[in-house]
Every structure is written in structure tokens, then in C-alpha cells.
Protein backbone atom coordinates (compact mmCIF):
# COMPACT_ATOMS: atom_id res chain seq x y z
CA MET A 1 -15.36 -8.00 14.40
CA VAL A 2 -13.04 -9.49 11.74
CA ASP A 3 -9.69 -7.68 11.31
CA PRO A 4 -9.51 -6.96 7.37
CA TYR A 5 -5.63 -7.40 7.54
CA SER A 6 -5.88 -11.11 8.90
CA LEU A 7 -7.82 -12.07 5.54
CA SER A 8 -6.08 -13.31 2.67
CA ILE A 9 -7.09 -11.80 -0.39
CA HIS A 10 -6.63 -13.59 -3.87
CA LEU A 11 -7.61 -11.64 -7.14
CA LYS A 12 -8.36 -13.22 -10.15
CA VAL A 13 -9.35 -12.21 -13.66
CA GLY A 14 -13.16 -11.50 -13.74
CA ASP A 15 -13.42 -10.40 -10.20
CA ILE A 16 -15.42 -7.17 -9.62
CA VAL A 17 -14.42 -4.12 -7.66
CA TYR A 18 -17.07 -1.30 -6.57
CA ASP A 19 -16.47 2.05 -5.69
CA SER A 20 -19.48 3.19 -3.47
CA GLU A 21 -18.54 6.80 -3.58
CA THR A 22 -18.40 7.39 -7.35
CA LYS A 23 -20.87 4.38 -7.86
CA GLU A 24 -18.45 2.96 -10.50
CA SER A 25 -17.78 -0.83 -11.06
CA GLY A 26 -14.59 -2.42 -12.47
CA VAL A 27 -13.74 -5.79 -13.82
CA LEU A 28 -10.14 -7.20 -13.51
CA VAL A 29 -9.18 -7.85 -16.72
CA ARG A 30 -5.60 -8.75 -16.52
CA ARG A 31 -2.73 -9.34 -14.23
CA ILE A 32 0.50 -7.94 -15.28
CA ASP A 33 4.05 -8.69 -14.02
CA LEU A 34 5.70 -5.41 -13.79
CA LEU A 35 9.05 -7.07 -13.84
CA GLY A 36 8.68 -9.37 -16.46
CA ASN A 37 11.26 -8.22 -18.83
CA PHE A 38 14.02 -8.21 -16.33
CA SER A 39 16.28 -11.09 -16.32
CA ASP A 40 16.04 -14.10 -13.87
CA HIS A 41 19.32 -12.74 -12.15
CA ILE A 42 17.80 -9.60 -11.18
CA GLN A 43 14.38 -11.05 -10.19
CA LYS A 44 15.99 -13.14 -7.54
CA ASP A 45 16.64 -10.15 -5.57
CA ILE A 46 13.69 -8.30 -6.08
CA PRO A 47 10.16 -9.31 -4.82
CA GLY A 48 7.44 -9.73 -7.50
CA ILE A 49 5.65 -6.70 -8.33
CA ASN A 50 2.23 -7.10 -10.14
CA ALA A 51 -0.61 -4.98 -11.36
CA TRP A 52 -3.99 -5.35 -12.53
CA GLU A 53 -5.69 -3.75 -15.54
CA ILE A 54 -9.22 -2.74 -14.63
CA MET A 55 -12.14 -1.72 -17.09
CA TRP A 56 -14.23 0.79 -15.18
CA SER A 57 -17.93 1.42 -15.88
CA GLY A 58 -20.27 4.12 -14.44
CA SER A 59 -22.04 7.39 -15.19
CA ASP A 60 -18.78 9.43 -14.29
CA LEU A 61 -16.92 7.78 -16.93
CA LYS A 62 -19.45 8.12 -19.81
CA GLU A 63 -17.69 11.47 -20.99
CA SER A 64 -14.33 9.98 -20.83
CA SER A 65 -12.74 7.79 -23.53
CA VAL A 66 -10.44 6.19 -21.01
CA ARG A 67 -11.89 3.29 -19.17
CA MET A 68 -8.86 1.11 -18.55
CA TYR A 69 -6.63 1.75 -15.40
CA VAL A 70 -3.69 -0.08 -13.91
CA TYR A 71 -3.58 -0.51 -10.10
CA THR A 72 -0.62 -2.33 -8.43
CA GLU A 73 -1.85 -5.52 -6.86
CA SER A 74 -0.81 -4.29 -3.35
CA GLY A 75 -2.33 -1.01 -3.65
CA LEU A 76 -5.69 -2.63 -4.82
CA ILE A 77 -5.61 -5.03 -2.02
CA ASN A 78 -5.27 -2.21 0.37
CA MET A 79 -8.05 -0.11 -1.08
CA ILE A 80 -10.35 -3.42 -0.45
CA ARG A 81 -8.98 -3.85 2.97
CA GLU A 82 -9.56 -0.06 4.05
CA GLY A 83 -12.95 -0.23 2.49
CA LEU A 84 -12.41 2.21 -0.37
CA LEU A 85 -13.56 -0.83 -2.74
CA GLN A 86 -15.86 -3.67 -2.46
CA LEU A 87 -14.59 -6.97 -3.95
CA TYR A 88 -17.09 -9.34 -5.64
CA GLN A 89 -15.24 -12.48 -6.75
CA ASN A 90 -15.91 -14.48 -9.55
CA ASN A 91 -16.53 -18.03 -8.65
């Protein structure tokens, strides 16, 4: 059995995540640098924090006007590793 934490996960625009519990799928639309507005001096002391904007689709969202959600990159990778989301990479 492969340890999910030993695998390196590199997310890209166009990758798809699937939530088997809600049967919804999402497309990674844009990677966001959450510290992009800080000066270079401050960024040297703080590790990069990125997030992903995801556009979701599915029957649970048909009543909602909000389909775009933002997840931190580390949180998203942890959800994939824990099996909460399945990742389908855009080759």
C-alpha cells in the first residue's frame, strides 16, 4: 500500500477535483498568491501561502448562485491525501 503522504502533489490550472460524498466536481481555475501584496522584505521571512479558486458543479449547487470557492493549497492537498477529494490531473 502506498503512503499518500509520500507522494508529491502538484496542482495545475484545469485539474479537476471530485467529492464522492456530494457527487460534485470542481475545476481549478486560478492559483492565488495570498501574500502577493506584501513587500519583498516581509515575504523573505514568511513561507509562501497559496490558494486555489475552484468552480464547482453538481446537483447540490443548482439552487446556489455561488459556484466559486477558494481553498488554501495546503488544505486542498490534505483533502486529496485524506481521500475527501479525488484528483484528476489535466495532462
